[in-house]
N, C-alpha and C. Protein backbone atom coordinates (compact mmCIF):
# COMPACT_ATOMS: atom_id res chain seq x y z
N MET A 1 0.85 -1.19 0.00
CA MET A 1 0.00 0.00 0.00
C MET A 1 0.89 1.25 0.00
N GLY A 2 0.73 2.11 -0.99
CA GLY A 2 1.49 3.34 -1.07
C GLY A 2 0.64 4.54 -0.73
N MET A 3 1.26 5.67 -0.60
CA MET A 3 0.54 6.90 -0.28
C MET A 3 0.93 8.02 -1.24
N ILE A 4 -0.03 8.84 -1.57
CA ILE A 4 0.22 10.06 -2.33
C ILE A 4 -0.29 11.22 -1.49
N ILE A 5 0.58 12.19 -1.22
CA ILE A 5 0.19 13.34 -0.41
C ILE A 5 0.05 14.56 -1.31
N THR A 6 -1.10 15.19 -1.25
CA THR A 6 -1.35 16.37 -2.07
C THR A 6 -1.72 17.56 -1.18
N ARG A 7 -1.44 18.74 -1.69
CA ARG A 7 -1.84 19.97 -1.01
C ARG A 7 -2.93 20.65 -1.84
N GLU A 8 -4.00 21.03 -1.18
CA GLU A 8 -5.11 21.67 -1.88
C GLU A 8 -5.39 23.03 -1.26
N GLN A 9 -5.68 24.00 -2.12
CA GLN A 9 -6.00 25.34 -1.62
C GLN A 9 -7.37 25.35 -0.95
N GLU A 10 -7.44 25.97 0.20
CA GLU A 10 -8.72 26.19 0.85
C GLU A 10 -9.45 27.30 0.12
N GLU A 11 -10.77 27.27 0.18
CA GLU A 11 -11.57 28.33 -0.41
C GLU A 11 -12.44 28.95 0.68
N TYR A 12 -12.70 30.25 0.52
CA TYR A 12 -13.43 31.00 1.53
C TYR A 12 -14.64 31.67 0.89
N SER A 13 -15.71 31.75 1.65
CA SER A 13 -16.94 32.37 1.17
C SER A 13 -16.79 33.89 1.18
N PRO A 14 -17.68 34.60 0.48
CA PRO A 14 -17.63 36.06 0.54
C PRO A 14 -17.72 36.61 1.96
N ALA A 15 -18.53 35.99 2.81
CA ALA A 15 -18.65 36.46 4.20
C ALA A 15 -17.34 36.25 4.95
N GLU A 16 -16.69 35.09 4.75
CA GLU A 16 -15.41 34.84 5.40
C GLU A 16 -14.34 35.79 4.88
N ALA A 17 -14.38 36.05 3.58
CA ALA A 17 -13.42 36.99 2.99
C ALA A 17 -13.61 38.39 3.58
N SER A 18 -14.86 38.77 3.79
CA SER A 18 -15.15 40.08 4.37
C SER A 18 -14.62 40.19 5.79
N ASP A 19 -14.83 39.15 6.58
CA ASP A 19 -14.35 39.15 7.97
C ASP A 19 -12.83 39.25 8.02
N ALA A 20 -12.15 38.60 7.07
CA ALA A 20 -10.69 38.54 7.11
C ALA A 20 -10.03 39.78 6.52
N THR A 21 -10.63 40.36 5.49
CA THR A 21 -9.98 41.46 4.77
C THR A 21 -10.58 42.84 5.04
N GLY A 22 -11.81 42.87 5.55
CA GLY A 22 -12.48 44.15 5.75
C GLY A 22 -13.20 44.66 4.51
N VAL A 23 -13.18 43.88 3.42
CA VAL A 23 -13.89 44.25 2.20
C VAL A 23 -15.32 43.71 2.28
N SER A 24 -16.29 44.58 2.34
CA SER A 24 -17.67 44.16 2.50
C SER A 24 -18.13 43.29 1.33
N THR A 25 -19.15 42.49 1.55
CA THR A 25 -19.66 41.64 0.48
C THR A 25 -20.24 42.48 -0.66
N ALA A 26 -20.79 43.65 -0.34
CA ALA A 26 -21.32 44.54 -1.38
C ALA A 26 -20.18 45.06 -2.26
N LEU A 27 -19.05 45.44 -1.62
CA LEU A 27 -17.91 45.92 -2.40
C LEU A 27 -17.28 44.78 -3.20
N GLN A 28 -17.29 43.58 -2.64
CA GLN A 28 -16.80 42.41 -3.39
C GLN A 28 -17.62 42.22 -4.67
N ARG A 29 -18.93 42.33 -4.54
CA ARG A 29 -19.80 42.15 -5.72
C ARG A 29 -19.49 43.21 -6.78
N ASP A 30 -19.25 44.43 -6.32
CA ASP A 30 -18.95 45.51 -7.26
C ASP A 30 -17.61 45.24 -7.96
N TRP A 31 -16.61 44.82 -7.19
CA TRP A 31 -15.30 44.53 -7.79
C TRP A 31 -15.36 43.33 -8.72
N ARG A 32 -16.15 42.31 -8.37
CA ARG A 32 -16.29 41.16 -9.27
C ARG A 32 -16.98 41.57 -10.56
N ARG A 33 -18.00 42.40 -10.43
CA ARG A 33 -18.74 42.86 -11.61
C ARG A 33 -17.81 43.62 -12.56
N ARG A 34 -16.88 44.36 -12.00
CA ARG A 34 -15.95 45.15 -12.80
C ARG A 34 -14.72 44.34 -13.23
N GLY A 35 -14.67 43.06 -12.83
CA GLY A 35 -13.56 42.21 -13.23
C GLY A 35 -12.27 42.47 -12.48
N ILE A 36 -12.37 43.06 -11.29
CA ILE A 36 -11.18 43.43 -10.54
C ILE A 36 -10.67 42.29 -9.67
N ILE A 37 -11.59 41.53 -9.06
CA ILE A 37 -11.18 40.44 -8.17
C ILE A 37 -11.97 39.18 -8.50
N GLY A 38 -11.41 38.06 -8.04
CA GLY A 38 -12.14 36.81 -7.98
C GLY A 38 -12.63 36.26 -9.29
N ARG A 39 -13.31 35.16 -9.16
CA ARG A 39 -13.92 34.47 -10.29
C ARG A 39 -15.36 34.18 -9.93
N ALA A 40 -16.23 34.37 -10.86
CA ALA A 40 -17.64 34.09 -10.61
C ALA A 40 -17.83 32.59 -10.42
N GLY A 41 -18.64 32.20 -9.45
CA GLY A 41 -18.92 30.79 -9.22
C GLY A 41 -19.93 30.27 -10.22
N PRO A 42 -20.14 28.94 -10.25
CA PRO A 42 -21.14 28.37 -11.15
C PRO A 42 -22.51 28.96 -10.88
N ALA A 43 -23.39 28.85 -11.85
CA ALA A 43 -24.73 29.42 -11.71
C ALA A 43 -25.39 28.91 -10.44
N GLY A 44 -25.92 29.83 -9.66
CA GLY A 44 -26.62 29.46 -8.44
C GLY A 44 -25.71 29.28 -7.24
N GLN A 45 -24.41 29.44 -7.41
CA GLN A 45 -23.47 29.29 -6.32
C GLN A 45 -22.75 30.60 -6.05
N HIS A 46 -22.36 30.78 -4.78
CA HIS A 46 -21.62 31.97 -4.41
C HIS A 46 -20.18 31.87 -4.93
N SER A 47 -19.57 33.02 -5.13
CA SER A 47 -18.16 33.04 -5.49
C SER A 47 -17.33 32.54 -4.32
N ARG A 48 -16.17 31.99 -4.63
CA ARG A 48 -15.25 31.51 -3.61
C ARG A 48 -13.89 32.17 -3.83
N PHE A 49 -13.14 32.33 -2.76
CA PHE A 49 -11.85 33.00 -2.84
C PHE A 49 -10.76 32.12 -2.25
N THR A 50 -9.59 32.11 -2.90
CA THR A 50 -8.42 31.44 -2.34
C THR A 50 -7.65 32.44 -1.49
N PHE A 51 -6.61 31.94 -0.81
CA PHE A 51 -5.80 32.83 0.01
C PHE A 51 -5.11 33.88 -0.85
N ASP A 52 -4.67 33.49 -2.05
CA ASP A 52 -4.08 34.46 -2.98
C ASP A 52 -5.04 35.61 -3.24
N ASP A 53 -6.31 35.26 -3.46
CA ASP A 53 -7.32 36.30 -3.70
C ASP A 53 -7.44 37.23 -2.51
N LEU A 54 -7.42 36.66 -1.30
CA LEU A 54 -7.59 37.47 -0.10
C LEU A 54 -6.42 38.43 0.10
N CYS A 55 -5.21 37.98 -0.26
CA CYS A 55 -4.03 38.87 -0.14
C CYS A 55 -4.22 40.11 -1.00
N GLU A 56 -4.58 39.90 -2.25
CA GLU A 56 -4.75 41.05 -3.14
C GLU A 56 -5.95 41.89 -2.74
N MET A 57 -6.99 41.24 -2.23
CA MET A 57 -8.18 41.97 -1.82
C MET A 57 -7.87 42.91 -0.65
N MET A 58 -7.13 42.39 0.34
CA MET A 58 -6.78 43.21 1.49
C MET A 58 -5.90 44.39 1.08
N ALA A 59 -4.90 44.11 0.24
CA ALA A 59 -4.01 45.18 -0.20
C ALA A 59 -4.74 46.19 -1.07
N LEU A 60 -5.61 45.71 -1.93
CA LEU A 60 -6.37 46.60 -2.81
C LEU A 60 -7.22 47.57 -2.01
N LYS A 61 -7.85 47.09 -0.96
CA LYS A 61 -8.66 47.97 -0.11
C LYS A 61 -7.79 49.03 0.56
N SER A 62 -6.61 48.63 1.03
CA SER A 62 -5.72 49.58 1.71
C SER A 62 -5.30 50.70 0.77
N PHE A 63 -4.89 50.34 -0.44
CA PHE A 63 -4.45 51.36 -1.39
C PHE A 63 -5.62 52.21 -1.89
N SER A 64 -6.77 51.58 -2.08
CA SER A 64 -7.95 52.33 -2.51
C SER A 64 -8.38 53.32 -1.44
N ASP A 65 -8.39 52.87 -0.18
CA ASP A 65 -8.76 53.75 0.94
C ASP A 65 -7.78 54.93 1.06
N ALA A 66 -6.52 54.70 0.65
CA ALA A 66 -5.51 55.75 0.74
C ALA A 66 -5.57 56.72 -0.43
N GLY A 67 -6.43 56.45 -1.39
CA GLY A 67 -6.61 57.41 -2.48
C GLY A 67 -6.13 56.98 -3.84
N LEU A 68 -5.50 55.79 -3.96
CA LEU A 68 -5.11 55.33 -5.29
C LEU A 68 -6.35 54.88 -6.04
N ARG A 69 -6.44 55.28 -7.28
CA ARG A 69 -7.62 54.92 -8.05
C ARG A 69 -7.58 53.45 -8.42
N ILE A 70 -8.75 52.88 -8.60
CA ILE A 70 -8.86 51.51 -9.08
C ILE A 70 -9.14 51.57 -10.56
N LYS A 71 -8.28 50.93 -11.31
CA LYS A 71 -8.43 50.92 -12.76
C LYS A 71 -8.01 49.57 -13.26
N ARG A 72 -8.95 48.81 -13.79
CA ARG A 72 -8.63 47.47 -14.24
C ARG A 72 -7.52 47.52 -15.28
N LEU A 73 -6.46 46.73 -15.04
CA LEU A 73 -5.28 46.77 -15.91
C LEU A 73 -5.53 45.96 -17.17
N THR A 74 -5.79 46.64 -18.27
CA THR A 74 -5.95 46.00 -19.56
C THR A 74 -5.21 46.84 -20.58
N ALA A 75 -5.03 46.29 -21.75
CA ALA A 75 -4.46 47.09 -22.83
C ALA A 75 -5.48 48.17 -23.16
N ALA A 76 -5.18 49.38 -22.76
CA ALA A 76 -6.15 50.46 -22.88
C ALA A 76 -6.57 50.67 -24.33
N SER A 77 -7.84 50.92 -24.52
CA SER A 77 -8.33 51.09 -25.88
C SER A 77 -7.92 52.45 -26.42
N SER A 78 -7.68 52.51 -27.71
CA SER A 78 -7.31 53.77 -28.34
C SER A 78 -8.57 54.46 -28.82
N GLU A 79 -8.38 55.58 -29.48
CA GLU A 79 -9.54 56.30 -29.98
C GLU A 79 -10.21 55.54 -31.13
N GLU A 80 -9.45 54.68 -31.81
CA GLU A 80 -10.02 53.90 -32.89
C GLU A 80 -10.40 52.52 -32.38
N PRO A 81 -11.66 52.12 -32.55
CA PRO A 81 -12.10 50.80 -32.08
C PRO A 81 -11.23 49.69 -32.67
N GLY A 82 -10.89 48.72 -31.81
CA GLY A 82 -10.12 47.59 -32.27
C GLY A 82 -8.64 47.83 -32.41
N GLN A 83 -8.17 49.03 -32.05
CA GLN A 83 -6.76 49.37 -32.17
C GLN A 83 -6.21 49.68 -30.77
N PRO A 84 -5.73 48.66 -30.04
CA PRO A 84 -5.20 48.92 -28.70
C PRO A 84 -3.95 49.76 -28.75
N ARG A 85 -3.77 50.58 -27.73
CA ARG A 85 -2.55 51.39 -27.65
C ARG A 85 -1.67 50.80 -26.54
N PRO A 86 -0.38 51.06 -26.58
CA PRO A 86 0.52 50.53 -25.54
C PRO A 86 0.15 51.09 -24.17
N LEU A 87 0.39 50.28 -23.14
CA LEU A 87 0.17 50.74 -21.79
C LEU A 87 1.17 51.85 -21.45
N THR A 88 0.70 52.85 -20.75
CA THR A 88 1.55 53.95 -20.34
C THR A 88 1.82 53.87 -18.85
N LYS A 89 2.71 54.73 -18.37
CA LYS A 89 3.02 54.77 -16.95
C LYS A 89 1.76 55.07 -16.14
N ASP A 90 0.88 55.90 -16.67
CA ASP A 90 -0.35 56.24 -15.96
C ASP A 90 -1.27 55.03 -15.84
N ASP A 91 -1.25 54.16 -16.86
CA ASP A 91 -2.08 52.96 -16.81
C ASP A 91 -1.62 52.02 -15.69
N LEU A 92 -0.33 52.04 -15.38
CA LEU A 92 0.23 51.12 -14.40
C LEU A 92 0.19 51.65 -12.97
N PHE A 93 0.01 52.96 -12.81
CA PHE A 93 0.00 53.54 -11.46
C PHE A 93 -1.42 53.54 -10.92
N ASN A 94 -1.80 52.45 -10.28
CA ASN A 94 -3.14 52.33 -9.73
C ASN A 94 -3.13 51.32 -8.59
N ALA A 95 -4.28 51.21 -7.92
CA ALA A 95 -4.36 50.34 -6.75
C ALA A 95 -4.16 48.88 -7.10
N GLU A 96 -4.60 48.45 -8.29
CA GLU A 96 -4.42 47.04 -8.67
C GLU A 96 -2.95 46.68 -8.80
N THR A 97 -2.17 47.56 -9.44
CA THR A 97 -0.75 47.28 -9.60
C THR A 97 -0.06 47.21 -8.24
N ALA A 98 -0.37 48.16 -7.37
CA ALA A 98 0.22 48.17 -6.04
C ALA A 98 -0.16 46.91 -5.26
N ALA A 99 -1.43 46.51 -5.35
CA ALA A 99 -1.88 45.31 -4.64
C ALA A 99 -1.19 44.06 -5.18
N HIS A 100 -1.01 44.01 -6.50
CA HIS A 100 -0.34 42.85 -7.09
C HIS A 100 1.12 42.76 -6.63
N MET A 101 1.74 43.90 -6.40
CA MET A 101 3.13 43.92 -5.91
C MET A 101 3.21 43.36 -4.49
N CYS A 102 2.10 43.39 -3.76
CA CYS A 102 2.08 42.89 -2.38
C CYS A 102 1.90 41.37 -2.32
N ARG A 103 1.43 40.78 -3.40
CA ARG A 103 1.02 39.38 -3.37
C ARG A 103 2.15 38.43 -2.97
N LEU A 104 3.27 38.47 -3.69
CA LEU A 104 4.36 37.53 -3.40
C LEU A 104 4.92 37.70 -1.99
N PRO A 105 5.21 38.93 -1.53
CA PRO A 105 5.68 39.07 -0.14
C PRO A 105 4.66 38.56 0.88
N MET A 106 3.38 38.83 0.65
CA MET A 106 2.37 38.37 1.60
C MET A 106 2.33 36.85 1.66
N LEU A 107 2.42 36.19 0.51
CA LEU A 107 2.45 34.72 0.50
C LEU A 107 3.68 34.21 1.24
N HIS A 108 4.80 34.86 1.05
CA HIS A 108 6.05 34.47 1.72
C HIS A 108 5.90 34.55 3.23
N PHE A 109 5.43 35.67 3.72
CA PHE A 109 5.30 35.85 5.18
C PHE A 109 4.16 35.02 5.76
N ALA A 110 3.13 34.76 4.96
CA ALA A 110 1.99 33.96 5.44
C ALA A 110 2.38 32.52 5.69
N ALA A 111 3.35 32.01 4.94
CA ALA A 111 3.77 30.62 5.11
C ALA A 111 4.25 30.37 6.54
N GLU A 112 5.07 31.29 7.05
CA GLU A 112 5.57 31.15 8.42
C GLU A 112 4.46 31.35 9.44
N ALA A 113 3.60 32.33 9.22
CA ALA A 113 2.51 32.60 10.16
C ALA A 113 1.52 31.44 10.21
N SER A 114 1.25 30.84 9.06
CA SER A 114 0.32 29.71 9.02
C SER A 114 0.89 28.49 9.73
N ALA A 115 2.18 28.23 9.51
CA ALA A 115 2.82 27.10 10.19
C ALA A 115 2.82 27.30 11.70
N SER A 116 2.99 28.54 12.13
CA SER A 116 2.98 28.84 13.57
C SER A 116 1.60 28.63 14.16
N ARG A 117 0.55 28.96 13.41
CA ARG A 117 -0.81 28.84 13.95
C ARG A 117 -1.37 27.43 13.83
N TRP A 118 -1.20 26.83 12.66
CA TRP A 118 -1.82 25.53 12.41
C TRP A 118 -0.83 24.38 12.33
N GLY A 119 0.45 24.68 12.19
CA GLY A 119 1.45 23.64 12.08
C GLY A 119 1.53 23.05 10.68
N GLY A 120 2.65 22.40 10.40
CA GLY A 120 2.80 21.71 9.13
C GLY A 120 2.82 22.65 7.94
N ALA A 121 2.62 22.04 6.77
CA ALA A 121 2.63 22.80 5.51
C ALA A 121 1.24 23.31 5.19
N THR A 122 0.75 24.20 6.05
CA THR A 122 -0.61 24.71 5.87
C THR A 122 -0.65 26.05 5.16
N GLY A 123 0.53 26.62 4.92
CA GLY A 123 0.60 27.93 4.28
C GLY A 123 1.05 27.81 2.84
N PRO A 124 1.12 28.94 2.15
CA PRO A 124 1.54 28.95 0.74
C PRO A 124 2.99 28.48 0.61
N LEU A 125 3.28 27.86 -0.52
CA LEU A 125 4.66 27.50 -0.86
C LEU A 125 5.16 28.52 -1.87
N VAL A 126 6.15 29.31 -1.49
CA VAL A 126 6.68 30.34 -2.36
C VAL A 126 8.07 29.91 -2.81
N GLY A 127 8.20 29.63 -4.09
CA GLY A 127 9.45 29.12 -4.61
C GLY A 127 10.44 30.23 -4.93
N THR A 128 11.16 30.69 -3.95
CA THR A 128 12.19 31.72 -4.18
C THR A 128 13.53 31.17 -3.70
N SER A 129 14.61 31.60 -4.33
CA SER A 129 15.94 31.16 -3.94
C SER A 129 16.30 31.76 -2.59
N PRO A 130 17.19 31.10 -1.82
CA PRO A 130 17.56 31.61 -0.49
C PRO A 130 18.08 33.04 -0.52
N GLY A 131 18.74 33.43 -1.60
CA GLY A 131 19.32 34.76 -1.67
C GLY A 131 18.37 35.82 -2.20
N HIS A 132 17.14 35.41 -2.55
CA HIS A 132 16.19 36.36 -3.13
C HIS A 132 15.67 37.31 -2.05
N ARG A 133 15.67 38.60 -2.34
CA ARG A 133 15.15 39.60 -1.41
C ARG A 133 13.67 39.82 -1.73
N ILE A 134 12.83 39.42 -0.80
CA ILE A 134 11.40 39.36 -1.08
C ILE A 134 10.75 40.74 -1.09
N GLY A 135 11.23 41.67 -0.25
CA GLY A 135 10.63 43.00 -0.21
C GLY A 135 9.43 43.04 0.72
N ARG A 136 9.61 43.59 1.90
CA ARG A 136 8.54 43.58 2.91
C ARG A 136 7.54 44.71 2.71
N PHE A 137 8.00 45.85 2.22
CA PHE A 137 7.15 47.04 2.13
C PHE A 137 6.87 47.42 0.68
N VAL A 138 5.62 47.78 0.39
CA VAL A 138 5.27 48.38 -0.89
C VAL A 138 4.97 49.84 -0.60
N VAL A 139 5.67 50.73 -1.29
CA VAL A 139 5.63 52.16 -0.99
C VAL A 139 5.08 52.93 -2.18
N VAL A 140 4.19 53.85 -1.89
CA VAL A 140 3.68 54.78 -2.89
C VAL A 140 4.25 56.15 -2.58
N SER A 141 5.00 56.69 -3.53
CA SER A 141 5.61 58.01 -3.36
C SER A 141 5.46 58.78 -4.66
N GLY A 142 4.73 59.88 -4.60
CA GLY A 142 4.47 60.63 -5.82
C GLY A 142 3.73 59.77 -6.81
N GLN A 143 4.30 59.60 -8.00
CA GLN A 143 3.73 58.73 -9.02
C GLN A 143 4.56 57.46 -9.19
N GLN A 144 5.21 57.02 -8.12
CA GLN A 144 6.08 55.85 -8.17
C GLN A 144 5.60 54.78 -7.19
N LEU A 145 5.83 53.52 -7.56
CA LEU A 145 5.57 52.38 -6.69
C LEU A 145 6.88 51.65 -6.46
N TYR A 146 7.17 51.32 -5.20
CA TYR A 146 8.40 50.64 -4.85
C TYR A 146 8.08 49.44 -3.97
N ARG A 147 8.92 48.40 -4.07
CA ARG A 147 8.88 47.29 -3.11
C ARG A 147 10.27 47.17 -2.53
N VAL A 148 10.39 47.38 -1.22
CA VAL A 148 11.70 47.44 -0.58
C VAL A 148 11.74 46.55 0.65
N ASP A 149 12.95 46.13 1.03
CA ASP A 149 13.13 45.29 2.22
C ASP A 149 13.04 46.09 3.50
N SER A 150 13.54 47.32 3.43
CA SER A 150 13.63 48.16 4.62
C SER A 150 13.28 49.59 4.27
N LEU A 151 12.64 50.28 5.19
CA LEU A 151 12.29 51.67 4.94
C LEU A 151 13.52 52.57 4.93
N ALA A 152 14.64 52.04 5.42
CA ALA A 152 15.89 52.81 5.38
C ALA A 152 16.30 53.09 3.94
N VAL A 153 15.85 52.25 3.02
CA VAL A 153 16.16 52.44 1.61
C VAL A 153 15.67 53.80 1.14
N LEU A 154 14.53 54.25 1.66
CA LEU A 154 13.97 55.53 1.25
C LEU A 154 14.87 56.68 1.68
N ASP A 155 15.52 56.54 2.83
CA ASP A 155 16.43 57.58 3.31
C ASP A 155 17.71 57.61 2.48
N GLU A 156 18.11 56.44 1.99
CA GLU A 156 19.39 56.34 1.28
C GLU A 156 19.26 56.64 -0.21
N ALA A 157 18.04 56.53 -0.75
CA ALA A 157 17.87 56.71 -2.20
C ALA A 157 18.01 58.17 -2.59
N PRO A 158 18.58 58.44 -3.77
CA PRO A 158 18.68 59.82 -4.26
C PRO A 158 17.29 60.44 -4.39
N ALA A 159 17.21 61.72 -4.14
CA ALA A 159 15.92 62.42 -4.15
C ALA A 159 15.21 62.27 -5.49
N GLU A 160 15.97 62.25 -6.59
CA GLU A 160 15.33 62.17 -7.90
C GLU A 160 14.66 60.81 -8.13
N GLU A 161 15.09 59.77 -7.38
CA GLU A 161 14.47 58.46 -7.53
C GLU A 161 13.15 58.39 -6.77
N ILE A 162 13.10 59.05 -5.64
CA ILE A 162 11.89 59.02 -4.82
C ILE A 162 10.87 60.03 -5.32
N GLY A 163 11.33 61.13 -5.87
CA GLY A 163 10.41 62.14 -6.36
C GLY A 163 10.23 63.26 -5.36
N PRO A 164 9.66 64.37 -5.81
CA PRO A 164 9.54 65.54 -4.95
C PRO A 164 8.43 65.42 -3.90
N GLU A 165 7.46 64.54 -4.12
CA GLU A 165 6.35 64.43 -3.18
C GLU A 165 6.69 63.49 -2.04
N PRO A 166 6.12 63.76 -0.85
CA PRO A 166 6.39 62.87 0.28
C PRO A 166 5.73 61.51 0.06
N VAL A 167 6.22 60.52 0.80
CA VAL A 167 5.64 59.19 0.71
C VAL A 167 4.17 59.24 1.12
N LYS A 168 3.33 58.61 0.30
CA LYS A 168 1.89 58.67 0.54
C LYS A 168 1.38 57.45 1.29
N VAL A 169 1.87 56.26 0.91
CA VAL A 169 1.40 55.02 1.51
C VAL A 169 2.59 54.09 1.73
N ILE A 170 2.62 53.45 2.89
CA ILE A 170 3.56 52.36 3.15
C ILE A 170 2.73 51.15 3.57
N PHE A 171 2.78 50.09 2.76
CA PHE A 171 2.04 48.87 3.07
C PHE A 171 3.02 47.81 3.55
N ASP A 172 2.82 47.37 4.79
CA ASP A 172 3.69 46.37 5.41
C ASP A 172 3.14 44.98 5.10
N CYS A 173 3.77 44.29 4.16
CA CYS A 173 3.26 42.99 3.71
C CYS A 173 3.32 41.92 4.81
N LYS A 174 4.33 41.99 5.65
CA LYS A 174 4.45 41.01 6.74
C LYS A 174 3.33 41.20 7.76
N LEU A 175 3.10 42.43 8.17
CA LEU A 175 2.04 42.72 9.13
C LEU A 175 0.68 42.33 8.55
N ALA A 176 0.46 42.66 7.26
CA ALA A 176 -0.82 42.34 6.63
C ALA A 176 -1.02 40.83 6.55
N ALA A 177 0.02 40.08 6.19
CA ALA A 177 -0.09 38.62 6.11
C ALA A 177 -0.38 38.01 7.47
N ASN A 178 0.29 38.51 8.51
CA ASN A 178 0.05 37.99 9.86
C ASN A 178 -1.38 38.25 10.31
N ARG A 179 -1.89 39.44 10.00
CA ARG A 179 -3.26 39.77 10.39
C ARG A 179 -4.27 38.92 9.62
N LEU A 180 -3.97 38.68 8.36
CA LEU A 180 -4.88 37.88 7.54
C LEU A 180 -4.93 36.45 8.04
N ILE A 181 -3.78 35.87 8.33
CA ILE A 181 -3.74 34.50 8.85
C ILE A 181 -4.48 34.41 10.18
N ALA A 182 -4.31 35.42 11.03
CA ALA A 182 -4.97 35.41 12.35
C ALA A 182 -6.48 35.49 12.23
N ALA A 183 -6.97 36.10 11.14
CA ALA A 183 -8.41 36.30 10.99
C ALA A 183 -9.11 35.16 10.26
N LEU A 184 -8.35 34.24 9.67
CA LEU A 184 -8.96 33.17 8.88
C LEU A 184 -9.55 32.08 9.77
N PRO A 185 -10.67 31.50 9.36
CA PRO A 185 -11.26 30.41 10.13
C PRO A 185 -10.58 29.07 9.87
N ARG A 186 -9.86 28.96 8.73
CA ARG A 186 -9.19 27.72 8.35
C ARG A 186 -7.87 28.04 7.68
N ALA A 187 -6.95 27.09 7.73
CA ALA A 187 -5.64 27.28 7.11
C ALA A 187 -5.77 27.44 5.60
N PRO A 188 -4.86 28.20 4.98
CA PRO A 188 -4.94 28.44 3.53
C PRO A 188 -4.82 27.17 2.69
N TYR A 189 -4.10 26.18 3.20
CA TYR A 189 -3.92 24.93 2.46
C TYR A 189 -4.23 23.75 3.37
N ARG A 190 -4.71 22.70 2.78
CA ARG A 190 -4.94 21.46 3.52
C ARG A 190 -4.21 20.33 2.82
N THR A 191 -3.71 19.42 3.62
CA THR A 191 -2.97 18.27 3.09
C THR A 191 -3.87 17.04 3.11
N ARG A 192 -3.90 16.34 2.01
CA ARG A 192 -4.69 15.11 1.91
C ARG A 192 -3.77 13.94 1.60
N VAL A 193 -4.05 12.82 2.26
CA VAL A 193 -3.29 11.60 2.03
C VAL A 193 -4.17 10.62 1.27
N HIS A 194 -3.71 10.21 0.10
CA HIS A 194 -4.45 9.26 -0.73
C HIS A 194 -3.71 7.93 -0.72
N HIS A 195 -4.41 6.87 -0.38
CA HIS A 195 -3.81 5.53 -0.35
C HIS A 195 -4.04 4.85 -1.69
N ARG A 196 -3.03 4.13 -2.13
CA ARG A 196 -3.19 3.40 -3.38
C ARG A 196 -2.67 1.98 -3.22
N ASP A 197 -3.18 1.11 -4.03
CA ASP A 197 -2.78 -0.30 -4.01
C ASP A 197 -1.63 -0.46 -4.99
N ASP A 198 -0.40 -0.66 -4.47
CA ASP A 198 0.76 -0.76 -5.33
C ASP A 198 0.66 -1.91 -6.31
N ALA A 199 0.07 -3.03 -5.87
CA ALA A 199 -0.06 -4.19 -6.74
C ALA A 199 -0.94 -3.86 -7.91
N SER A 200 -2.03 -3.10 -7.62
CA SER A 200 -2.95 -2.71 -8.68
C SER A 200 -2.25 -1.78 -9.66
N GLU A 201 -1.41 -0.87 -9.11
CA GLU A 201 -0.68 0.06 -9.97
C GLU A 201 0.28 -0.71 -10.88
N ASP A 202 0.94 -1.76 -10.30
CA ASP A 202 1.89 -2.53 -11.10
C ASP A 202 1.18 -3.28 -12.22
N ASN A 203 -0.02 -3.78 -11.92
CA ASN A 203 -0.74 -4.57 -12.90
C ASN A 203 -1.23 -3.73 -14.08
N HIS A 204 -1.41 -2.44 -13.82
CA HIS A 204 -1.95 -1.57 -14.85
C HIS A 204 -0.89 -0.63 -15.41
N GLY A 205 0.37 -0.83 -15.01
CA GLY A 205 1.42 0.07 -15.45
C GLY A 205 1.86 -0.21 -16.89
């Protein structure tokens, strides 16, 4: 008798997502309608969210509340129908882009927080090399978005790189991931053990 161990993503209801992220179910419906978050569930069923979805949802709300506009990132249409124009810097400076920059760091920090709360491999698996600098903070300064390991980087960077305007938003991905894990009713991932009959496998191999 052999075993196969698989990891499956947990899914959360709109109500659970609201409790964990602070995004109301009404706002979730509006964002889904506009194609900003999530995937519509089958007919007659509620939408479901993975932990990845919740990370971006929480970050998106933070940046939106701070004043960054929400603009679905698509190849912006030109004045002539059917003729897309290249994306510009203005197209990329929005709450969705900033939230997406938070996703990988949040998954990284959530893995440790999930293991601490639930034990085992219950958190996301983030495949980064040991020497990779994940970037804890996502910073909005002027018309620029940055992901940095330490806020000291802002003090050390040349003024022309940061821009003339003061920093507007600092999003702490580690703190956000820890708060999200603490608010969840279930671990982001569950492990399942499947038993198989080795003799049967050999006979059909």
